[in-house]
C-alpha atoms as a PDB file:
ATOM      1  CA  UNK A   1      97.000  27.519-105.226  1.00  0.00           C
ATOM      2  CA  UNK A   2      94.091  28.016-107.536  1.00  0.00           C
ATOM      3  CA  UNK A   3      91.702  29.873-104.741  1.00  0.00           C
ATOM      4  CA  UNK A   4      94.890  32.107-104.098  1.00  0.00           C
ATOM      5  CA  UNK A   5      95.445  32.561-108.007  1.00  0.00           C
ATOM      6  CA  UNK A   6      91.676  33.898-108.261  1.00  0.00           C
ATOM      7  CA  UNK A   7      91.736  35.713-105.699  1.00  0.00           C
ATOM      8  CA  UNK A   8      94.382  37.733-106.533  1.00  0.00           C
ATOM      9  CA  UNK A   9      93.369  37.875-109.888  1.00  0.00           C
ATOM     10  CA  UNK A  10      89.868  39.103-108.842  1.00  0.00           C
ATOM     11  CA  UNK A  11      91.804  42.040-106.631  1.00  0.00           C
ATOM     12  CA  UNK A  12      93.757  43.241-109.163  1.00  0.00           C
ATOM     13  CA  UNK A  13      90.685  43.395-111.738  1.00  0.00           C
ATOM     14  CA  UNK A  14      88.865  45.166-108.526  1.00  0.00           C
ATOM     15  CA  UNK A  15      91.911  47.571-108.584  1.00  0.00           C
ATOM     16  CA  UNK A  16      92.036  48.473-112.070  1.00  0.00           C
ATOM     17  CA  UNK A  17      87.965  49.452-111.556  1.00  0.00           C
ATOM     18  CA  UNK A  18      89.046  51.568-108.658  1.00  0.00           C
ATOM     19  CA  UNK A  19      91.164  53.021-110.666  1.00  0.00           C
ATOM     20  CA  UNK A  20      88.860  53.662-114.235  1.00  0.00           C
ATOM     21  CA  UNK A  21      86.617  54.465-111.339  1.00  0.00           C
ATOM     22  CA  UNK A  22      88.218  57.573-109.766  1.00  0.00           C
ATOM     23  CA  UNK A  23      88.383  58.979-113.488  1.00  0.00           C
ATOM     24  CA  UNK A  24      84.876  59.658-113.597  1.00  0.00           C
ATOM     25  CA  UNK A  25      82.618  61.595-110.943  1.00  0.00           C
ATOM     26  CA  UNK A  26      79.995  59.629-109.566  1.00  0.00           C
ATOM     27  CA  UNK A  27      77.065  61.734-108.165  1.00  0.00           C
ATOM     28  CA  UNK A  28      76.088  60.929-103.816  1.00  0.00           C
ATOM     29  CA  UNK A  29      73.442  58.577-103.986  1.00  0.00           C
ATOM     30  CA  UNK A  30      74.484  57.319-107.456  1.00  0.00           C
ATOM     31  CA  UNK A  31      74.733  54.161-108.885  1.00  0.00           C
ATOM     32  CA  UNK A  32      78.216  54.560-109.551  1.00  0.00           C
ATOM     33  CA  UNK A  33      78.690  56.080-106.228  1.00  0.00           C
ATOM     34  CA  UNK A  34      77.830  53.096-104.766  1.00  0.00           C
ATOM     35  CA  UNK A  35      80.428  50.835-106.733  1.00  0.00           C
ATOM     36  CA  UNK A  36      82.725  53.431-106.536  1.00  0.00           C
ATOM     37  CA  UNK A  37      82.121  52.789-102.478  1.00  0.00           C
ATOM     38  CA  UNK A  38      82.354  49.530-102.843  1.00  0.00           C
ATOM     39  CA  UNK A  39      85.411  48.916-104.740  1.00  0.00           C
ATOM     40  CA  UNK A  40      87.011  51.489-102.426  1.00  0.00           C
ATOM     41  CA  UNK A  41      85.867  49.606 -99.655  1.00  0.00           C
ATOM     42  CA  UNK A  42      87.424  46.510-100.758  1.00  0.00           C
ATOM     43  CA  UNK A  43      91.122  48.042-101.346  1.00  0.00           C
ATOM     44  CA  UNK A  44      91.619  50.558 -98.683  1.00  0.00           C
ATOM     45  CA  UNK A  45      92.486  48.318 -96.001  1.00  0.00           C
ATOM     46  CA  UNK A  46      96.056  48.334 -98.306  1.00  0.00           C
ATOM     47  CA  UNK A  47      96.418  51.448 -99.891  1.00  0.00           C
ATOM     48  CA  UNK A  48      95.340  54.001 -96.686  1.00  0.00           C
ATOM     49  CA  UNK A  49      98.772  52.505 -95.211  1.00  0.00           C
ATOM     50  CA  UNK A  50     100.590  52.813 -98.638  1.00  0.00           C
ATOM     51  CA  UNK A  51      99.205  56.468 -99.503  1.00  0.00           C
ATOM     52  CA  UNK A  52     100.861  57.179 -96.204  1.00  0.00           C
ATOM     53  CA  UNK A  53     104.426  56.531 -97.048  1.00  0.00           C
ATOM     54  CA  UNK A  54     104.070  56.853-100.692  1.00  0.00           C
ATOM     55  CA  UNK A  55     103.285  60.840-101.550  1.00  0.00           C
ATOM     56  CA  UNK A  56     101.579  61.778-104.121  1.00  0.00           C
ATOM     57  CA  UNK A  57     103.151  62.258-107.622  1.00  0.00           C
ATOM     58  CA  UNK A  58     103.163  65.865-108.544  1.00  0.00           C
ATOM     59  CA  UNK A  59     102.602  67.129-112.162  1.00  0.00           C
ATOM     60  CA  UNK A  60     101.877  70.286-112.679  1.00  0.00           C
ATOM     61  CA  UNK A  61      98.118  70.851-111.418  1.00  0.00           C
ATOM     62  CA  UNK A  62      97.795  67.504-111.574  1.00  0.00           C
ATOM     63  CA  UNK A  63      98.457  64.750-108.707  1.00  0.00           C
ATOM     64  CA  UNK A  64      98.977  61.319-109.417  1.00  0.00           C
ATOM     65  CA  UNK A  65      98.933  58.508-106.511  1.00  0.00           C
ATOM     66  CA  UNK A  66     101.305  56.127-107.731  1.00  0.00           C
ATOM     67  CA  UNK A  67      99.596  53.469-104.759  1.00  0.00           C
ATOM     68  CA  UNK A  68      98.010  51.656-107.571  1.00  0.00           C
ATOM     69  CA  UNK A  69     100.799  51.201-109.138  1.00  0.00           C
ATOM     70  CA  UNK A  70     102.966  49.505-105.892  1.00  0.00           C
ATOM     71  CA  UNK A  71     100.527  47.202-105.546  1.00  0.00           C
ATOM     72  CA  UNK A  72      99.536  45.910-108.810  1.00  0.00           C
ATOM     73  CA  UNK A  73     103.225  44.997-108.714  1.00  0.00           C
ATOM     74  CA  UNK A  74     103.649  43.783-105.516  1.00  0.00           C
ATOM     75  CA  UNK A  75     100.536  41.319-106.344  1.00  0.00           C
ATOM     76  CA  UNK A  76     102.957  40.365-109.537  1.00  0.00           C
ATOM     77  CA  UNK A  77     105.527  39.839-107.046  1.00  0.00           C
ATOM     78  CA  UNK A  78     103.402  37.316-105.641  1.00  0.00           C
ATOM     79  CA  UNK A  79     101.902  35.843-108.314  1.00  0.00           C
ATOM     80  CA  UNK A  80     105.697  35.322-110.329  1.00  0.00           C
ATOM     81  CA  UNK A  81     106.688  31.847-107.537  1.00  0.00           C
ATOM     82  CA  UNK A  82     102.914  30.859-107.941  1.00  0.00           C
ATOM     83  CA  UNK A  83     102.578  30.348-111.474  1.00  0.00           C
ATOM     84  CA  UNK A  84      98.869  30.624-111.637  1.00  0.00           C
END
């Protein structure tokens, strides 16, 4: 159970990293772009299918992707019965 808890907690950190990295533009070929690509590869397997189901929320001229929130809630629901 400790390995599962650790993996889910690490996944939560990667999701938060993806959220924060989305706020900063990354120059192609730069260090930030490399980190952004690695984080996207670690989360796209779950985010991309959910983004087809959950449309982004329009807030004026801004679009808000709700997928990270849904995934974080799902991970928390998985962690609750485990009690990490």
